[in-house]
PDB file of N, CA and C in Angstrom:
ATOM      1  N   MET A   1      57.827  79.002 -10.744  1.00  0.00           N
ATOM      2  CA  MET A   1      56.703  78.712 -11.147  1.00  0.00           C
ATOM      3  C   MET A   1      55.799  77.832 -10.241  1.00  0.00           C
ATOM      4  N   SER A   2      54.849  78.323  -9.660  1.00  0.00           N
ATOM      5  CA  SER A   2      54.240  77.386  -8.799  1.00  0.00           C
ATOM      6  C   SER A   2      53.599  76.235  -9.363  1.00  0.00           C
ATOM      7  N   ARG A   3      53.191  75.084  -8.283  1.00  0.00           N
ATOM      8  CA  ARG A   3      52.360  74.215  -9.029  1.00  0.00           C
ATOM      9  C   ARG A   3      51.105  74.464  -9.664  1.00  0.00           C
ATOM     10  N   TRP A   4      50.577  75.193  -8.741  1.00  0.00           N
ATOM     11  CA  TRP A   4      49.076  75.577  -9.514  1.00  0.00           C
ATOM     12  C   TRP A   4      49.243  76.145 -10.860  1.00  0.00           C
ATOM     13  N   ARG A   5      50.257  76.876 -10.947  1.00  0.00           N
ATOM     14  CA  ARG A   5      50.344  77.785 -12.328  1.00  0.00           C
ATOM     15  C   ARG A   5      51.037  76.885 -13.234  1.00  0.00           C
ATOM     16  N   PHE A   6      51.961  75.635 -12.920  1.00  0.00           N
ATOM     17  CA  PHE A   6      52.364  74.852 -14.046  1.00  0.00           C
ATOM     18  C   PHE A   6      50.900  73.650 -14.326  1.00  0.00           C
ATOM     19  N   LEU A   7      50.261  73.366 -13.347  1.00  0.00           N
ATOM     20  CA  LEU A   7      49.069  72.822 -13.523  1.00  0.00           C
ATOM     21  C   LEU A   7      48.297  73.560 -14.652  1.00  0.00           C
ATOM     22  N   MET A   8      47.824  74.570 -14.264  1.00  0.00           N
ATOM     23  CA  MET A   8      47.055  75.514 -15.178  1.00  0.00           C
ATOM     24  C   MET A   8      47.524  75.576 -16.590  1.00  0.00           C
ATOM     25  N   TRP A   9      48.761  75.853 -16.788  1.00  0.00           N
ATOM     26  CA  TRP A   9      49.537  76.007 -18.167  1.00  0.00           C
ATOM     27  C   TRP A   9      49.220  74.717 -18.719  1.00  0.00           C
ATOM     28  N   SER A  10      49.569  73.508 -18.104  1.00  0.00           N
ATOM     29  CA  SER A  10      49.554  72.059 -18.602  1.00  0.00           C
ATOM     30  C   SER A  10      48.201  71.845 -19.343  1.00  0.00           C
ATOM     31  N   VAL A  11      47.123  72.226 -18.587  1.00  0.00           N
ATOM     32  CA  VAL A  11      45.854  71.885 -19.012  1.00  0.00           C
ATOM     33  C   VAL A  11      45.486  72.613 -20.096  1.00  0.00           C
ATOM     34  N   ALA A  12      45.931  73.955 -20.100  1.00  0.00           N
ATOM     35  CA  ALA A  12      45.458  74.826 -21.169  1.00  0.00           C
ATOM     36  C   ALA A  12      46.033  74.507 -22.661  1.00  0.00           C
ATOM     37  N   VAL A  13      47.504  73.870 -22.430  1.00  0.00           N
ATOM     38  CA  VAL A  13      48.115  73.525 -23.581  1.00  0.00           C
ATOM     39  C   VAL A  13      47.595  72.060 -24.050  1.00  0.00           C
ATOM     40  N   PHE A  14      47.255  71.253 -23.144  1.00  0.00           N
ATOM     41  CA  PHE A  14      46.326  70.052 -23.347  1.00  0.00           C
ATOM     42  C   PHE A  14      45.061  70.294 -24.270  1.00  0.00           C
ATOM     43  N   ALA A  15      44.309  71.192 -23.761  1.00  0.00           N
ATOM     44  CA  ALA A  15      43.136  71.706 -24.342  1.00  0.00           C
ATOM     45  C   ALA A  15      43.282  72.259 -25.763  1.00  0.00           C
ATOM     46  N   VAL A  16      44.326  73.108 -25.993  1.00  0.00           N
ATOM     47  CA  VAL A  16      44.800  73.658 -27.236  1.00  0.00           C
ATOM     48  C   VAL A  16      44.961  72.500 -28.026  1.00  0.00           C
ATOM     49  N   ALA A  17      45.899  71.775 -27.834  1.00  0.00           N
ATOM     50  CA  ALA A  17      46.633  70.665 -28.674  1.00  0.00           C
ATOM     51  C   ALA A  17      45.831  69.448 -29.004  1.00  0.00           C
ATOM     52  N   LEU A  18      44.780  68.983 -28.302  1.00  0.00           N
ATOM     53  CA  LEU A  18      44.004  67.931 -28.456  1.00  0.00           C
ATOM     54  C   LEU A  18      43.216  67.958 -29.884  1.00  0.00           C
ATOM     55  N   PRO A  19      42.590  68.968 -29.978  1.00  0.00           N
ATOM     56  CA  PRO A  19      41.835  69.040 -31.521  1.00  0.00           C
ATOM     57  C   PRO A  19      42.753  69.045 -32.707  1.00  0.00           C
ATOM     58  N   THR A  20      43.931  69.441 -32.377  1.00  0.00           N
ATOM     59  CA  THR A  20      44.887  69.612 -33.504  1.00  0.00           C
ATOM     60  C   THR A  20      45.554  68.128 -33.843  1.00  0.00           C
ATOM     61  N   SER A  21      45.717  67.331 -32.669  1.00  0.00           N
ATOM     62  CA  SER A  21      46.285  65.951 -32.690  1.00  0.00           C
ATOM     63  C   SER A  21      45.332  64.985 -33.272  1.00  0.00           C
ATOM     64  N   ALA A  22      44.012  65.177 -33.248  1.00  0.00           N
ATOM     65  CA  ALA A  22      42.964  64.378 -33.661  1.00  0.00           C
ATOM     66  C   ALA A  22      42.695  64.410 -35.139  1.00  0.00           C
ATOM     67  N   TRP A  23      43.037  65.633 -35.732  1.00  0.00           N
ATOM     68  CA  TRP A  23      42.528  65.984 -37.311  1.00  0.00           C
ATOM     69  C   TRP A  23      43.070  64.677 -38.067  1.00  0.00           C
ATOM     70  N   PRO A  24      44.369  64.231 -37.774  1.00  0.00           N
ATOM     71  CA  PRO A  24      44.937  63.261 -38.961  1.00  0.00           C
ATOM     72  C   PRO A  24      43.889  61.937 -38.990  1.00  0.00           C
ATOM     73  N   CYS A  25      43.067  61.910 -37.723  1.00  0.00           N
ATOM     74  CA  CYS A  25      42.256  60.378 -37.556  1.00  0.00           C
ATOM     75  C   CYS A  25      41.079  60.505 -38.735  1.00  0.00           C
ATOM     76  N   ALA A  26      41.143  59.535 -39.634  1.00  0.00           N
ATOM     77  CA  ALA A  26      40.254  59.751 -40.553  1.00  0.00           C
ATOM     78  C   ALA A  26      38.762  59.028 -40.139  1.00  0.00           C
ATOM     79  N   VAL A  27      39.031  58.274 -39.017  1.00  0.00           N
ATOM     80  CA  VAL A  27      37.847  57.656 -38.453  1.00  0.00           C
ATOM     81  C   VAL A  27      37.176  58.636 -37.571  1.00  0.00           C
ATOM     82  N   CYS A  28      37.827  59.305 -36.813  1.00  0.00           N
ATOM     83  CA  CYS A  28      36.983  60.518 -35.829  1.00  0.00           C
ATOM     84  C   CYS A  28      36.498  61.590 -36.571  1.00  0.00           C
ATOM     85  N   TRP A  29      36.933  61.981 -37.728  1.00  0.00           N
ATOM     86  CA  TRP A  29      36.444  63.274 -38.428  1.00  0.00           C
ATOM     87  C   TRP A  29      35.741  63.246 -39.510  1.00  0.00           C
ATOM     88  N   GLY A  30      35.296  61.531 -39.772  1.00  0.00           N
ATOM     89  CA  GLY A  30      34.702  61.276 -41.128  1.00  0.00           C
ATOM     90  C   GLY A  30      35.446  61.016 -42.195  1.00  0.00           C
ATOM     91  N   GLY A  31      36.219  62.086 -42.739  1.00  0.00           N
ATOM     92  CA  GLY A  31      37.073  61.800 -43.858  1.00  0.00           C
ATOM     93  C   GLY A  31      36.671  61.092 -44.849  1.00  0.00           C
ATOM     94  N   ASP A  32      37.395  60.160 -45.693  1.00  0.00           N
ATOM     95  CA  ASP A  32      37.290  59.597 -46.879  1.00  0.00           C
ATOM     96  C   ASP A  32      36.430  58.234 -46.267  1.00  0.00           C
ATOM     97  N   GLU A  33      35.393  57.649 -46.945  1.00  0.00           N
ATOM     98  CA  GLU A  33      34.665  56.678 -46.542  1.00  0.00           C
ATOM     99  C   GLU A  33      35.611  55.410 -46.819  1.00  0.00           C
ATOM    100  N   ALA A  34      36.175  55.227 -47.707  1.00  0.00           N
ATOM    101  CA  ALA A  34      37.179  54.141 -48.153  1.00  0.00           C
ATOM    102  C   ALA A  34      38.344  54.141 -46.949  1.00  0.00           C
ATOM    103  N   LEU A  35      38.736  55.228 -46.560  1.00  0.00           N
ATOM    104  CA  LEU A  35      39.762  55.288 -45.473  1.00  0.00           C
ATOM    105  C   LEU A  35      39.286  54.675 -44.410  1.00  0.00           C
ATOM    106  N   SER A  36      38.294  55.256 -44.055  1.00  0.00           N
ATOM    107  CA  SER A  36      37.672  55.007 -42.596  1.00  0.00           C
ATOM    108  C   SER A  36      37.422  53.154 -42.608  1.00  0.00           C
ATOM    109  N   ARG A  37      36.936  52.571 -43.673  1.00  0.00           N
ATOM    110  CA  ARG A  37      36.564  51.435 -43.929  1.00  0.00           C
ATOM    111  C   ARG A  37      37.785  50.639 -43.801  1.00  0.00           C
ATOM    112  N   GLY A  38      38.908  50.942 -44.431  1.00  0.00           N
ATOM    113  CA  GLY A  38      40.305  50.566 -44.260  1.00  0.00           C
ATOM    114  C   GLY A  38      40.646  50.319 -43.055  1.00  0.00           C
ATOM    115  N   LEU A  39      40.774  51.403 -42.490  1.00  0.00           N
ATOM    116  CA  LEU A  39      41.432  51.804 -40.893  1.00  0.00           C
ATOM    117  C   LEU A  39      40.675  50.719 -40.007  1.00  0.00           C
ATOM    118  N   ASN A  40      39.323  50.616 -40.203  1.00  0.00           N
ATOM    119  CA  ASN A  40      38.408  49.714 -39.187  1.00  0.00           C
ATOM    120  C   ASN A  40      38.895  48.465 -39.671  1.00  0.00           C
ATOM    121  N   ALA A  41      38.929  48.256 -40.700  1.00  0.00           N
ATOM    122  CA  ALA A  41      39.409  46.575 -41.196  1.00  0.00           C
ATOM    123  C   ALA A  41      40.811  46.262 -40.393  1.00  0.00           C
ATOM    124  N   SER A  42      41.671  47.081 -40.891  1.00  0.00           N
ATOM    125  CA  SER A  42      43.137  46.815 -40.031  1.00  0.00           C
ATOM    126  C   SER A  42      43.013  46.871 -38.658  1.00  0.00           C
ATOM    127  N   VAL A  43      42.332  47.521 -38.107  1.00  0.00           N
ATOM    128  CA  VAL A  43      42.406  47.701 -36.386  1.00  0.00           C
ATOM    129  C   VAL A  43      41.542  46.017 -36.096  1.00  0.00           C
ATOM    130  N   PHE A  44      40.691  45.843 -36.702  1.00  0.00           N
ATOM    131  CA  PHE A  44      39.773  44.354 -36.316  1.00  0.00           C
ATOM    132  C   PHE A  44      40.962  43.311 -36.643  1.00  0.00           C
ATOM    133  N   PHE A  45      41.646  43.481 -37.661  1.00  0.00           N
ATOM    134  CA  PHE A  45      42.726  42.332 -38.227  1.00  0.00           C
ATOM    135  C   PHE A  45      43.806  42.146 -37.048  1.00  0.00           C
ATOM    136  N   MET A  46      44.166  43.478 -36.580  1.00  0.00           N
ATOM    137  CA  MET A  46      45.332  43.487 -35.590  1.00  0.00           C
ATOM    138  C   MET A  46      44.991  43.124 -34.243  1.00  0.00           C
ATOM    139  N   MET A  47      43.652  43.333 -33.626  1.00  0.00           N
ATOM    140  CA  MET A  47      43.050  42.737 -32.360  1.00  0.00           C
ATOM    141  C   MET A  47      42.715  41.448 -32.573  1.00  0.00           C
ATOM    142  N   SER A  48      42.288  40.618 -33.667  1.00  0.00           N
ATOM    143  CA  SER A  48      41.956  39.346 -33.767  1.00  0.00           C
ATOM    144  C   SER A  48      43.216  38.433 -33.719  1.00  0.00           C
ATOM    145  N   MET A  49      44.454  38.758 -34.300  1.00  0.00           N
ATOM    146  CA  MET A  49      45.505  38.246 -34.456  1.00  0.00           C
ATOM    147  C   MET A  49      46.162  37.449 -33.074  1.00  0.00           C
ATOM    148  N   PRO A  50      45.946  38.236 -32.214  1.00  0.00           N
ATOM    149  CA  PRO A  50      46.335  37.482 -30.781  1.00  0.00           C
ATOM    150  C   PRO A  50      45.483  36.241 -30.418  1.00  0.00           C
ATOM    151  N   PHE A  51      44.244  36.414 -30.868  1.00  0.00           N
ATOM    152  CA  PHE A  51      43.444  35.184 -30.566  1.00  0.00           C
ATOM    153  C   PHE A  51      43.444  33.774 -31.414  1.00  0.00           C
ATOM    154  N   VAL A  52      43.935  34.278 -32.718  1.00  0.00           N
ATOM    155  CA  VAL A  52      44.077  33.288 -33.823  1.00  0.00           C
ATOM    156  C   VAL A  52      45.228  32.669 -33.279  1.00  0.00           C
ATOM    157  N   VAL A  53      46.413  33.320 -32.883  1.00  0.00           N
ATOM    158  CA  VAL A  53      47.683  32.802 -32.644  1.00  0.00           C
ATOM    159  C   VAL A  53      47.651  31.824 -31.207  1.00  0.00           C
ATOM    160  N   GLY A  54      46.822  32.425 -30.507  1.00  0.00           N
ATOM    161  CA  GLY A  54      46.569  31.612 -28.996  1.00  0.00           C
ATOM    162  C   GLY A  54      45.583  30.607 -29.186  1.00  0.00           C
ATOM    163  N   GLY A  55      44.551  30.565 -30.082  1.00  0.00           N
ATOM    164  CA  GLY A  55      43.826  29.399 -30.326  1.00  0.00           C
ATOM    165  C   GLY A  55      44.748  28.367 -30.911  1.00  0.00           C
ATOM    166  N   SER A  56      45.614  28.822 -32.048  1.00  0.00           N
ATOM    167  CA  SER A  56      46.215  27.777 -32.604  1.00  0.00           C
ATOM    168  C   SER A  56      47.358  27.187 -31.534  1.00  0.00           C
ATOM    169  N   ILE A  57      47.892  27.952 -30.897  1.00  0.00           N
ATOM    170  CA  ILE A  57      48.778  27.194 -29.981  1.00  0.00           C
ATOM    171  C   ILE A  57      48.262  26.323 -29.021  1.00  0.00           C
ATOM    172  N   LEU A  58      47.093  26.720 -28.389  1.00  0.00           N
ATOM    173  CA  LEU A  58      46.054  25.839 -27.469  1.00  0.00           C
ATOM    174  C   LEU A  58      45.617  24.534 -28.198  1.00  0.00           C
ATOM    175  N   GLY A  59      45.081  24.500 -29.376  1.00  0.00           N
ATOM    176  CA  GLY A  59      44.495  23.729 -30.159  1.00  0.00           C
ATOM    177  C   GLY A  59      45.680  22.562 -30.508  1.00  0.00           C
ATOM    178  N   ALA A  60      47.041  23.029 -30.780  1.00  0.00           N
ATOM    179  CA  ALA A  60      48.019  22.134 -30.716  1.00  0.00           C
ATOM    180  C   ALA A  60      48.452  21.496 -29.512  1.00  0.00           C
ATOM    181  N   PHE A  61      48.103  22.257 -28.545  1.00  0.00           N
ATOM    182  CA  PHE A  61      48.419  21.369 -27.231  1.00  0.00           C
ATOM    183  C   PHE A  61      47.427  20.466 -26.957  1.00  0.00           C
ATOM    184  N   TYR A  62      46.027  20.892 -27.133  1.00  0.00           N
ATOM    185  CA  TYR A  62      45.055  19.849 -27.079  1.00  0.00           C
ATOM    186  C   TYR A  62      45.155  18.677 -27.823  1.00  0.00           C
ATOM    187  N   VAL A  63      45.615  19.011 -29.150  1.00  0.00           N
ATOM    188  CA  VAL A  63      45.656  17.540 -29.930  1.00  0.00           C
ATOM    189  C   VAL A  63      46.805  16.782 -29.424  1.00  0.00           C
ATOM    190  N   ALA A  64      48.019  17.205 -28.989  1.00  0.00           N
ATOM    191  CA  ALA A  64      49.054  16.650 -28.585  1.00  0.00           C
ATOM    192  C   ALA A  64      48.833  15.772 -27.194  1.00  0.00           C
ATOM    193  N   HIS A  65      47.768  16.554 -26.257  1.00  0.00           N
ATOM    194  CA  HIS A  65      47.540  16.137 -25.208  1.00  0.00           C
ATOM    195  C   HIS A  65      46.521  14.681 -25.291  1.00  0.00           C
ATOM    196  N   GLN A  66      45.825  14.884 -26.365  1.00  0.00           N
ATOM    197  CA  GLN A  66      44.706  13.840 -26.422  1.00  0.00           C
ATOM    198  C   GLN A  66      45.768  12.651 -27.368  1.00  0.00           C
ATOM    199  N   ARG A  67      46.532  12.788 -28.247  1.00  0.00           N
ATOM    200  CA  ARG A  67      47.261  11.912 -28.836  1.00  0.00           C
ATOM    201  C   ARG A  67      48.079  11.079 -27.661  1.00  0.00           C
ATOM    202  N   ALA A  68      48.618  11.958 -26.642  1.00  0.00           N
ATOM    203  CA  ALA A  68      49.445  11.299 -25.192  1.00  0.00           C
ATOM    204  C   ALA A  68      48.447  10.534 -24.617  1.00  0.00           C
ATOM    205  N   ARG A  69      47.548  10.640 -24.607  1.00  0.00           N
ATOM    206  CA  ARG A  69      46.249   9.786 -23.783  1.00  0.00           C
ATOM    207  C   ARG A  69      45.897   8.604 -24.473  1.00  0.00           C
ATOM    208  N   GLY A  70      46.293   8.471 -26.105  1.00  0.00           N
ATOM    209  CA  GLY A  70      46.111   7.156 -26.576  1.00  0.00           C
ATOM    210  C   GLY A  70      44.808   7.471 -27.417  1.00  0.00           C
ATOM    211  N   GLN A  71      44.219   8.395 -27.450  1.00  0.00           N
ATOM    212  CA  GLN A  71      42.972   8.819 -28.086  1.00  0.00           C
ATOM    213  C   GLN A  71      43.371   9.217 -29.484  1.00  0.00           C
ATOM    214  N   LYS A  72      42.726   8.512 -30.707  1.00  0.00           N
ATOM    215  CA  LYS A  72      42.986   8.907 -31.939  1.00  0.00           C
ATOM    216  C   LYS A  72      42.158  10.451 -32.260  1.00  0.00           C
ATOM    217  N   TRP A  73      42.573  10.742 -33.191  1.00  0.00           N
ATOM    218  CA  TRP A  73      42.071  11.911 -34.012  1.00  0.00           C
ATOM    219  C   TRP A  73      40.749  11.485 -34.363  1.00  0.00           C
ATOM    220  N   PRO A  74      39.651  12.183 -34.301  1.00  0.00           N
ATOM    221  CA  PRO A  74      38.312  11.476 -34.858  1.00  0.00           C
ATOM    222  C   PRO A  74      38.321  11.407 -36.363  1.00  0.00           C
ATOM    223  N   TYR A  75      38.237   9.947 -36.763  1.00  0.00           N
ATOM    224  CA  TYR A  75      38.325   9.630 -38.091  1.00  0.00           C
ATOM    225  C   TYR A  75      36.883   9.019 -38.480  1.00  0.00           C
ATOM    226  N   VAL A  76      36.501   9.708 -40.111  1.00  0.00           N
ATOM    227  CA  VAL A  76      35.422   9.657 -40.682  1.00  0.00           C
ATOM    228  C   VAL A  76      35.692   8.817 -41.607  1.00  0.00           C
ATOM    229  N   SER A  77      35.213   7.779 -42.122  1.00  0.00           N
ATOM    230  CA  SER A  77      35.545   7.048 -43.415  1.00  0.00           C
ATOM    231  C   SER A  77      34.789   7.708 -44.585  1.00  0.00           C
ATOM    232  N   LEU A  78      34.942   7.229 -45.751  1.00  0.00           N
ATOM    233  CA  LEU A  78      34.368   7.726 -47.026  1.00  0.00           C
ATOM    234  C   LEU A  78      33.171   7.066 -46.807  1.00  0.00           C
ATOM    235  N   GLN A  79      32.684   6.062 -46.174  1.00  0.00           N
ATOM    236  CA  GLN A  79      31.340   5.711 -46.333  1.00  0.00           C
ATOM    237  C   GLN A  79      30.400   6.486 -45.366  1.00  0.00           C
ATOM    238  N   GLN A  80      31.039   6.740 -44.241  1.00  0.00           N
ATOM    239  CA  GLN A  80      30.199   7.660 -43.456  1.00  0.00           C
ATOM    240  C   GLN A  80      29.720   9.134 -43.904  1.00  0.00           C
ATOM    241  N   VAL A  81      30.605   9.399 -44.929  1.00  0.00           N
ATOM    242  CA  VAL A  81      30.393  10.735 -45.457  1.00  0.00           C
ATOM    243  C   VAL A  81      29.188  10.582 -46.537  1.00  0.00           C
ATOM    244  N   GLN A  82      29.550   9.359 -47.238  1.00  0.00           N
ATOM    245  CA  GLN A  82      28.416   9.013 -48.268  1.00  0.00           C
ATOM    246  C   GLN A  82      27.043   8.865 -47.700  1.00  0.00           C
ATOM    247  N   ALA A  83      26.943   8.055 -46.478  1.00  0.00           N
ATOM    248  CA  ALA A  83      25.893   7.891 -46.004  1.00  0.00           C
ATOM    249  C   ALA A  83      24.918   9.061 -45.435  1.00  0.00           C
ATOM    250  N   TRP A  84      25.771   9.933 -44.749  1.00  0.00           N
ATOM    251  CA  TRP A  84      25.314  11.434 -44.576  1.00  0.00           C
ATOM    252  C   TRP A  84      24.696  11.988 -45.526  1.00  0.00           C
ATOM    253  N   PHE A  85      25.543  12.095 -46.845  1.00  0.00           N
ATOM    254  CA  PHE A  85      24.827  12.883 -47.919  1.00  0.00           C
ATOM    255  C   PHE A  85      23.678  12.197 -48.305  1.00  0.00           C
ATOM    256  N   ARG A  86      23.475  10.875 -48.200  1.00  0.00           N
ATOM    257  CA  ARG A  86      22.204  10.146 -48.914  1.00  0.00           C
ATOM    258  C   ARG A  86      21.041  10.425 -47.683  1.00  0.00           C
ATOM    259  N   LYS A  87      21.421  10.649 -46.676  1.00  0.00           N
ATOM    260  CA  LYS A  87      20.072  10.686 -45.358  1.00  0.00           C
ATOM    261  C   LYS A  87      19.994  12.536 -45.998  1.00  0.00           C
ATOM    262  N   GLU A  88      20.747  13.260 -46.325  1.00  0.00           N
ATOM    263  CA  GLU A  88      20.260  14.805 -46.807  1.00  0.00           C
ATOM    264  C   GLU A  88      19.786  14.725 -47.860  1.00  0.00           C
ATOM    265  N   ASP A  89      20.022  13.906 -48.660  1.00  0.00           N
ATOM    266  CA  ASP A  89      19.094  14.115 -50.103  1.00  0.00           C
ATOM    267  C   ASP A  89      17.855  13.473 -49.766  1.00  0.00           C
ATOM    268  N   GLN A  90      17.587  12.577 -49.028  1.00  0.00           N
ATOM    269  CA  GLN A  90      16.348  11.821 -48.838  1.00  0.00           C
ATOM    270  C   GLN A  90      15.478  12.869 -47.969  1.00  0.00           C
ATOM    271  N   ALA A  91      15.948  13.652 -47.243  1.00  0.00           N
ATOM    272  CA  ALA A  91      15.041  14.491 -46.258  1.00  0.00           C
ATOM    273  C   ALA A  91      14.392  15.609 -47.014  1.00  0.00           C
TER     274      ALA A  91
END
């Protein structure tokens, strides 16, 4: 079989098989509305996890770096919080 014929058969098989393989996708073909929302939520959750994990690790490194430099974590006293709420109530 020549390369040209092999290429043509490959394209033909791919074109025939493509719609069949897309049928199970509830998002692509409408399907059940609740199922589509669930799939979208799961994709969003899976794509956000690397950012959450990376942000947590970088945040821990930042706090460790600030502590190593001798700077304390910002401390807010109870009196400062109460004064802030009083200002909000008066406004």
